[in-house]
Amino acid sequence: MKHLFVRYKVKADRAAESEACINAVFAKLQHLAPRDVHHDSFKLEDGVSFVPIASFSGPDGHNPLPELSAFKAFTQDIASRCEEPPVAMAADAVGSHRVFE
């Protein structure tokens, strides 16, 4: 299983727009219900920093998110919404307890 962590900070006046884009991605995931994708997105207490976490359990660990139309729309103009651009990092699990249930 591959794990991906991303962090970014949006401009305060674009936070609601970014959250709406995130919700559109999750609506698409709910509709498609891919069994090999586990995805959560968190808004930090400052209200403008976001940390999405995704795991991909397909046989090749392929990340299908960039192929979703809603994800393409989300990332299309993300640079204009961000105060700090997305930084993605792959990670290996050291321990886990029911995070993606």
Protein backbone atom coordinates (compact mmCIF):
# COMPACT_ATOMS: atom_id res chain seq x y z
CA MET A 1 0.00 0.00 0.00
CA LYS A 2 1.31 3.44 -0.91
CA HIS A 3 0.64 6.46 1.29
CA LEU A 4 0.74 10.09 0.25
CA PHE A 5 0.62 13.16 2.49
CA VAL A 6 0.18 16.67 1.09
CA ARG A 7 0.14 20.02 2.84
CA TYR A 8 -0.69 23.45 1.51
CA LYS A 9 -2.01 26.80 2.67
CA VAL A 10 -4.61 28.78 0.74
CA LYS A 11 -5.23 32.50 0.70
CA ALA A 12 -7.81 33.41 3.34
CA ASP A 13 -10.27 34.78 0.79
CA ARG A 14 -10.08 31.50 -1.20
CA ALA A 15 -10.54 29.03 1.68
CA ALA A 16 -14.25 28.45 1.07
CA GLU A 17 -13.61 27.93 -2.64
CA SER A 18 -10.88 25.40 -1.89
CA GLU A 19 -13.13 23.56 0.54
CA ALA A 20 -15.87 23.40 -2.11
CA CYS A 21 -13.37 21.90 -4.58
CA ILE A 22 -12.31 19.33 -1.98
CA ASN A 23 -15.96 18.42 -1.37
CA ALA A 24 -16.45 17.92 -5.13
CA VAL A 25 -13.55 15.44 -5.18
CA PHE A 26 -15.07 13.52 -2.27
CA ALA A 27 -18.51 13.52 -3.92
CA LYS A 28 -16.93 11.94 -7.01
CA LEU A 29 -15.14 9.38 -4.85
CA GLN A 30 -18.40 8.55 -3.07
CA HIS A 31 -20.07 8.06 -6.45
CA LEU A 32 -17.31 5.87 -7.90
CA ALA A 33 -16.50 4.08 -4.60
CA PRO A 34 -13.04 2.82 -5.59
CA ARG A 35 -12.11 0.07 -3.14
CA ASP A 36 -8.36 0.61 -3.50
CA VAL A 37 -8.41 4.31 -2.54
CA HIS A 38 -8.54 5.60 1.03
CA HIS A 39 -8.60 9.38 1.27
CA ASP A 40 -9.12 11.95 4.00
CA SER A 41 -8.60 15.68 3.92
CA PHE A 42 -8.14 17.84 6.98
CA LYS A 43 -8.46 21.59 7.47
CA LEU A 44 -6.17 22.76 10.24
CA GLU A 45 -7.30 25.11 12.99
CA ASP A 46 -5.95 28.19 11.18
CA GLY A 47 -8.75 27.64 8.63
CA VAL A 48 -6.44 28.00 5.62
CA SER A 49 -4.04 25.06 5.88
CA PHE A 50 -5.05 21.70 4.48
CA VAL A 51 -3.55 18.24 4.82
CA PRO A 52 -4.93 15.55 2.52
CA ILE A 53 -3.86 11.97 3.21
CA ALA A 54 -4.36 9.18 0.71
CA SER A 55 -3.52 5.51 0.54
CA PHE A 56 -3.67 3.34 -2.55
CA SER A 57 -3.92 -0.41 -2.13
CA GLY A 58 -4.15 -1.51 -5.75
CA PRO A 59 -1.66 -4.10 -6.94
CA ASP A 60 0.67 -1.46 -8.37
CA GLY A 61 -0.06 1.29 -5.82
CA HIS A 62 -1.37 3.47 -8.66
CA ASN A 63 -2.83 6.84 -7.63
CA PRO A 64 -6.08 7.24 -9.61
CA LEU A 65 -6.99 10.63 -8.11
CA PRO A 66 -5.35 12.75 -10.85
CA GLU A 67 -7.58 10.99 -13.40
CA LEU A 68 -10.83 12.18 -11.77
CA SER A 69 -12.49 15.17 -13.42
CA ALA A 70 -13.22 16.74 -10.02
CA PHE A 71 -9.57 16.37 -9.01
CA LYS A 72 -8.44 17.93 -12.30
CA ALA A 73 -10.77 20.87 -11.61
CA PHE A 74 -9.39 21.14 -8.06
CA THR A 75 -5.77 21.26 -9.21
CA GLN A 76 -6.33 23.36 -12.34
CA ASP A 77 -5.86 26.75 -10.66
CA ILE A 78 -4.58 25.69 -7.26
CA ALA A 79 -1.52 27.95 -7.58
CA SER A 80 -3.75 31.02 -7.68
CA ARG A 81 -5.57 29.88 -4.52
CA CYS A 82 -2.45 29.07 -2.53
CA GLU A 83 -0.34 31.15 -0.22
CA GLU A 84 1.94 28.11 0.19
CA PRO A 85 1.86 25.60 -2.69
CA PRO A 86 1.17 21.91 -2.18
CA VAL A 87 4.06 19.80 -0.97
CA ALA A 88 3.51 16.07 -1.47
CA MET A 89 5.43 13.42 0.39
CA ALA A 90 5.25 9.65 0.13
CA ALA A 91 5.37 7.90 3.48
CA ASP A 92 5.78 4.42 4.90
CA ALA A 93 3.53 3.35 7.76
CA VAL A 94 5.34 2.68 11.01
CA GLY A 95 2.18 1.89 12.94
CA SER A 96 -1.53 2.34 12.46
CA HIS A 97 -4.76 1.82 14.33
CA ARG A 98 -8.01 2.02 12.35
CA VAL A 99 -7.20 5.29 10.59
CA PHE A 100 -9.01 4.55 7.33
CA GLU A 101 -12.08 2.68 8.54
